[in-house]
Protein backbone atom coordinates (compact mmCIF):
# COMPACT_ATOMS: atom_id res chain seq x y z
CA MET A 1 -86.94 12.22 -5.08
CA SER A 2 -87.60 14.51 -8.05
CA ARG A 3 -84.49 15.49 -9.98
CA LEU A 4 -85.80 19.07 -9.90
CA GLN A 5 -84.66 19.11 -6.28
CA ASN A 6 -81.09 18.99 -7.61
CA LEU A 7 -81.55 22.48 -9.05
CA PRO A 8 -80.31 25.61 -7.26
CA TYR A 9 -82.81 26.66 -4.61
CA GLU A 10 -83.87 29.90 -6.30
CA LEU A 11 -84.59 28.07 -9.55
CA GLN A 12 -86.59 25.44 -7.66
CA LYS A 13 -88.69 28.25 -6.19
CA SER A 14 -89.31 29.71 -9.63
CA PHE A 15 -90.56 26.35 -10.88
CA SER A 16 -92.81 26.01 -7.81
CA ASN A 17 -94.15 29.54 -8.28
CA HIS A 18 -94.71 29.11 -12.04
CA SER A 19 -92.38 32.03 -12.70
CA VAL A 20 -89.39 30.55 -14.53
CA PHE A 21 -87.88 33.04 -16.97
CA LYS A 22 -85.33 31.52 -19.33
CA VAL A 23 -83.37 33.57 -21.88
CA ILE A 24 -82.30 31.60 -24.96
CA THR A 25 -79.35 32.28 -27.27
CA GLY A 26 -80.03 29.35 -29.60
CA LEU A 27 -79.08 25.70 -30.04
CA ASN A 28 -76.91 26.45 -33.08
CA ASN A 29 -75.54 29.80 -31.92
CA PHE A 30 -71.86 29.45 -30.98
CA ASP A 31 -71.08 33.19 -30.94
CA GLN A 32 -69.28 33.54 -27.60
CA ASN A 33 -69.56 37.34 -27.60
CA LEU A 34 -73.35 37.13 -27.95
CA VAL A 35 -73.61 34.45 -25.26
CA GLU A 36 -71.62 36.64 -22.87
CA GLN A 37 -73.80 39.67 -23.66
CA VAL A 38 -77.00 37.71 -23.11
CA ALA A 39 -75.67 36.10 -19.91
CA ARG A 40 -74.79 39.47 -18.37
CA SER A 41 -78.08 41.00 -19.49
CA ALA A 42 -80.12 38.06 -18.20
CA ALA A 43 -78.58 38.35 -14.74
CA LEU A 44 -79.04 42.12 -14.55
CA GLY A 45 -82.54 42.01 -16.02
CA GLY A 46 -83.98 39.46 -13.61
CA ALA A 47 -84.04 36.18 -15.55
CA ASP A 48 -83.74 32.82 -13.78
CA LEU A 49 -81.87 30.77 -16.35
CA ILE A 50 -79.91 31.05 -19.57
CA ASP A 51 -80.16 28.50 -22.39
CA ILE A 52 -77.17 28.18 -24.72
CA ALA A 53 -75.65 25.84 -27.29
CA CYS A 54 -74.12 22.67 -25.87
CA CYS A 55 -70.46 23.69 -25.78
CA PRO A 56 -68.14 23.54 -22.72
CA GLU A 57 -66.38 26.77 -23.69
CA LEU A 58 -69.67 28.64 -23.94
CA VAL A 59 -70.80 27.22 -20.59
CA LYS A 60 -67.63 28.47 -18.91
CA ALA A 61 -67.98 31.87 -20.58
CA ALA A 62 -71.62 32.20 -19.50
CA ILE A 63 -70.82 31.24 -15.92
CA GLU A 64 -68.00 33.79 -15.76
CA CYS A 65 -70.41 36.52 -16.92
CA SER A 66 -73.40 35.54 -14.80
CA ASP A 67 -74.40 33.84 -11.58
CA LEU A 68 -77.41 32.25 -13.30
CA PRO A 69 -77.83 28.51 -13.88
CA VAL A 70 -77.04 27.37 -17.43
CA CYS A 71 -79.15 25.08 -19.61
CA VAL A 72 -77.41 23.52 -22.63
CA SER A 73 -79.40 22.51 -25.71
CA SER A 74 -78.56 19.87 -28.29
CA VAL A 75 -80.00 17.00 -30.31
CA GLU A 76 -76.82 14.96 -29.83
CA PRO A 77 -76.89 13.27 -26.41
CA GLU A 78 -73.19 12.48 -26.47
CA ARG A 79 -72.41 16.22 -26.38
CA PHE A 80 -74.05 16.79 -23.00
CA PRO A 81 -71.52 15.28 -20.53
CA GLU A 82 -68.68 17.72 -21.29
CA ALA A 83 -71.04 20.69 -21.00
CA ILE A 84 -72.42 19.41 -17.70
CA GLU A 85 -68.87 18.88 -16.44
CA ALA A 86 -68.11 22.48 -17.44
CA GLY A 87 -70.87 23.65 -15.10
CA ALA A 88 -74.23 23.43 -16.89
CA THR A 89 -77.20 22.67 -14.65
CA ILE A 90 -79.85 21.44 -17.12
CA ALA A 91 -79.64 19.47 -20.37
CA GLU A 92 -82.25 20.13 -23.04
CA ILE A 93 -83.19 18.21 -26.16
CA GLY A 94 -84.31 20.88 -28.62
CA ASN A 95 -85.54 23.53 -29.34
CA PHE A 96 -85.93 22.35 -32.94
CA ASP A 97 -86.83 25.65 -34.63
CA SER A 98 -83.41 26.18 -36.20
CA PHE A 99 -83.63 22.83 -38.04
CA TYR A 100 -86.94 23.37 -39.82
CA PRO A 101 -85.65 25.76 -42.52
CA GLN A 102 -83.24 22.96 -43.52
CA GLY A 103 -86.16 20.56 -43.94
CA ARG A 104 -85.11 18.60 -40.85
CA LEU A 105 -88.13 17.34 -38.89
CA PHE A 106 -88.24 15.35 -35.67
CA SER A 107 -90.72 12.51 -35.21
CA ALA A 108 -92.18 11.53 -31.85
CA LYS A 109 -90.17 8.31 -31.92
CA GLU A 110 -86.91 10.15 -32.55
CA VAL A 111 -87.52 12.55 -29.68
CA ILE A 112 -88.33 9.63 -27.37
CA ASP A 113 -85.17 7.80 -28.48
CA LEU A 114 -83.06 10.91 -27.86
CA THR A 115 -84.59 11.24 -24.41
CA ILE A 116 -83.86 7.61 -23.53
CA GLN A 117 -80.26 7.94 -24.77
CA THR A 118 -79.71 11.14 -22.80
CA ARG A 119 -81.18 9.72 -19.62
CA LYS A 120 -78.87 6.70 -19.85
CA ILE A 121 -75.87 9.02 -20.19
CA LEU A 122 -77.03 11.49 -17.52
CA PRO A 123 -79.19 9.64 -14.97
CA ASP A 124 -79.23 12.41 -12.36
CA ILE A 125 -79.28 15.64 -14.38
CA VAL A 126 -82.49 17.60 -14.89
CA LEU A 127 -83.60 17.00 -18.48
CA SER A 128 -85.87 19.27 -20.47
CA VAL A 129 -87.31 18.02 -23.76
CA THR A 130 -88.97 20.03 -26.51
CA VAL A 131 -92.14 18.70 -28.13
CA PRO A 132 -92.05 19.37 -31.90
CA HIS A 133 -94.80 21.75 -32.96
CA THR A 134 -95.01 19.95 -36.31
CA LEU A 135 -97.10 17.27 -34.58
CA THR A 136 -100.85 17.71 -34.15
CA PHE A 137 -101.89 18.92 -30.70
CA ASP A 138 -103.23 15.56 -29.62
CA LYS A 139 -99.95 13.92 -30.66
CA GLN A 140 -97.99 16.63 -28.84
CA SER A 141 -99.90 15.88 -25.65
CA GLU A 142 -99.40 12.14 -26.09
CA LEU A 143 -95.69 12.61 -26.72
CA ALA A 144 -95.29 14.88 -23.69
CA LEU A 145 -96.72 12.19 -21.41
CA ASP A 146 -94.52 9.54 -23.04
CA LEU A 147 -91.44 11.73 -22.54
CA ILE A 148 -92.12 12.05 -18.82
CA GLU A 149 -92.45 8.26 -18.66
CA VAL A 150 -89.01 7.73 -20.21
CA GLY A 151 -87.18 10.27 -18.08
CA ALA A 152 -87.89 13.88 -19.05
CA ASP A 153 -88.30 16.25 -16.10
CA VAL A 154 -89.50 19.34 -17.96
CA ILE A 155 -91.48 19.69 -21.19
CA GLN A 156 -90.95 22.64 -23.51
CA THR A 157 -93.17 23.85 -26.34
CA GLU A 158 -92.28 25.69 -29.53
CA GLY A 159 -93.85 27.02 -32.72
CA GLY A 160 -93.19 30.73 -33.01
CA THR A 161 -90.81 30.54 -35.95
CA SER A 162 -93.44 28.89 -38.14
CA SER A 163 -96.07 31.51 -37.38
CA ILE A 164 -96.38 34.43 -39.80
CA PRO A 165 -98.39 37.28 -38.22
CA ARG A 166 -100.80 39.03 -40.55
CA LYS A 167 -101.39 42.06 -38.36
CA PRO A 168 -99.04 44.61 -36.78
CA GLY A 169 -98.78 45.56 -33.13
CA VAL A 170 -100.36 43.65 -30.27
CA LEU A 171 -102.51 41.48 -32.54
CA GLY A 172 -99.44 40.44 -34.52
CA LEU A 173 -97.59 39.49 -31.32
CA ILE A 174 -100.52 37.30 -30.28
CA GLU A 175 -100.64 35.69 -33.73
CA LYS A 176 -96.90 35.01 -33.49
CA ALA A 177 -97.27 33.23 -30.16
CA ALA A 178 -100.45 31.32 -31.00
CA PRO A 179 -98.84 27.94 -31.88
CA THR A 180 -96.78 27.65 -28.70
CA LEU A 181 -99.64 28.94 -26.54
CA ALA A 182 -101.96 26.32 -28.03
CA SER A 183 -99.35 23.64 -27.35
CA VAL A 184 -99.03 24.65 -23.71
CA TYR A 185 -102.77 24.63 -23.22
CA SER A 186 -103.17 21.21 -24.86
CA ILE A 187 -100.30 19.59 -22.96
CA SER A 188 -101.27 21.22 -19.65
CA HIS A 189 -104.84 19.94 -20.03
CA SER A 190 -103.55 16.45 -20.81
CA PHE A 191 -101.23 16.55 -17.79
CA SER A 192 -104.07 17.65 -15.54
CA GLU A 193 -106.29 14.80 -16.70
CA SER A 194 -103.53 12.23 -16.19
CA GLY A 195 -102.32 13.61 -12.86
CA CYS A 196 -98.88 14.47 -14.25
CA LYS A 197 -97.28 17.39 -12.40
CA ALA A 198 -94.22 17.92 -14.59
CA PRO A 199 -93.54 21.59 -15.39
CA ILE A 200 -94.06 22.97 -18.89
CA LEU A 201 -92.01 25.82 -20.33
CA CYS A 202 -93.55 27.83 -23.15
CA ALA A 203 -90.99 29.04 -25.69
CA SER A 204 -90.64 30.41 -29.22
CA GLY A 205 -92.31 33.55 -30.50
CA LEU A 206 -93.21 35.04 -27.11
CA SER A 207 -93.10 38.67 -26.02
CA ASP A 208 -94.03 40.67 -22.95
CA ILE A 209 -97.59 40.80 -24.35
CA THR A 210 -97.98 37.03 -24.55
CA VAL A 211 -96.07 35.91 -21.43
CA PRO A 212 -99.19 36.30 -19.23
CA MET A 213 -101.14 34.22 -21.75
CA ALA A 214 -98.54 31.44 -21.55
CA LEU A 215 -98.68 31.37 -17.76
CA SER A 216 -102.48 31.39 -17.66
CA SER A 217 -102.49 28.53 -20.20
CA GLY A 218 -100.63 26.27 -17.80
CA ALA A 219 -96.95 27.07 -18.27
CA SER A 220 -94.56 27.04 -15.31
CA GLY A 221 -92.42 29.56 -17.11
CA VAL A 222 -91.31 30.87 -20.48
CA GLY A 223 -88.30 30.86 -22.74
CA ILE A 224 -87.49 34.05 -24.62
CA GLY A 225 -85.03 34.02 -27.49
CA SER A 226 -85.09 36.42 -30.43
CA ALA A 227 -86.95 39.13 -28.51
CA VAL A 228 -83.69 39.52 -26.55
CA ASN A 229 -80.78 38.09 -28.50
CA ARG A 230 -81.48 40.03 -31.69
CA LEU A 231 -81.15 43.39 -29.96
CA ASN A 232 -78.16 45.58 -30.69
CA ASN A 233 -76.56 46.02 -27.28
CA GLU A 234 -76.70 45.00 -23.65
CA LEU A 235 -78.66 48.04 -22.51
CA GLU A 236 -81.47 47.14 -24.90
CA MET A 237 -81.28 43.50 -23.81
CA ILE A 238 -81.49 44.39 -20.12
CA ALA A 239 -84.43 46.72 -20.77
CA MET A 240 -86.31 44.01 -22.68
CA ILE A 241 -85.62 41.38 -20.03
CA LYS A 242 -86.89 43.72 -17.31
CA THR A 243 -90.01 44.41 -19.39
CA ILE A 244 -90.68 40.69 -19.73
CA ARG A 245 -90.06 40.11 -16.02
CA ARG A 246 -92.69 42.77 -15.27
CA ALA A 247 -95.11 40.75 -17.40
CA PHE A 248 -94.84 37.96 -14.82
CA VAL A 249 -95.95 40.38 -12.12
CA TYR A 250 -98.83 41.54 -14.31
CA SER A 251 -99.85 37.93 -14.89
CA GLU A 252 -99.81 37.22 -11.18
CA SER A 253 -102.04 40.22 -10.48
CA LEU A 254 -104.49 39.07 -13.16
CA LEU A 255 -104.69 35.58 -11.68
CA LYS A 256 -105.23 36.98 -8.18
CA GLY A 257 -107.95 39.24 -9.47
CA ALA A 258 -109.69 36.37 -11.22
CA ALA A 259 -109.61 34.31 -8.03
CA LYS A 260 -111.49 36.94 -6.01
């Protein structure tokens, strides 16, 4: 039986419908006030899941503020059990964006080793693993397949923080999302060829403009971070989350139109 069947029913449906909407506060963000703001906003705005730093206190705070499932992110497998015991639903290795400015890179072997360690510690918990965007696209695809083999349930892409848009407006938003969109397309194509049906979440650098592109590139959902968590108050956060949720509806209408 797939471990995804251990997820809450509504989240299972979102994975099946390729409509998962995850709001991210950040792997290294331990600001409880921000986590609580984002958790409340995510629930009111129509998100499916919140992704926070791997900390039991933050998990408890997020659950108190929201009825949404919680994903905890870390690169230290030994930190996961306490967060899961506190109520987290999903464990995630990555996202790695916050480490790159420090010069900290993650090799394919290291990510595989982290995945194996985490799976040994948490044999039954849904595990999402980020594929480093610093790898070439063919190596990203190869790593994604290897990660599924060693126990990952969900693959996540990244890349937005390394992209520097040269144009303003819509074109700039597309430039910002280009690395993670390319990763999703490459990995999705590789999965299709190999018969792998594991879901892929597209994250890092996305906006309401590029969410439909992520979904049409093969993603089962998206992760949105700075577009929400850098806003000044909860009203702005809720408005942005609702805007992004509407992008899912727009994407669905585009796909239906293309199928006719």
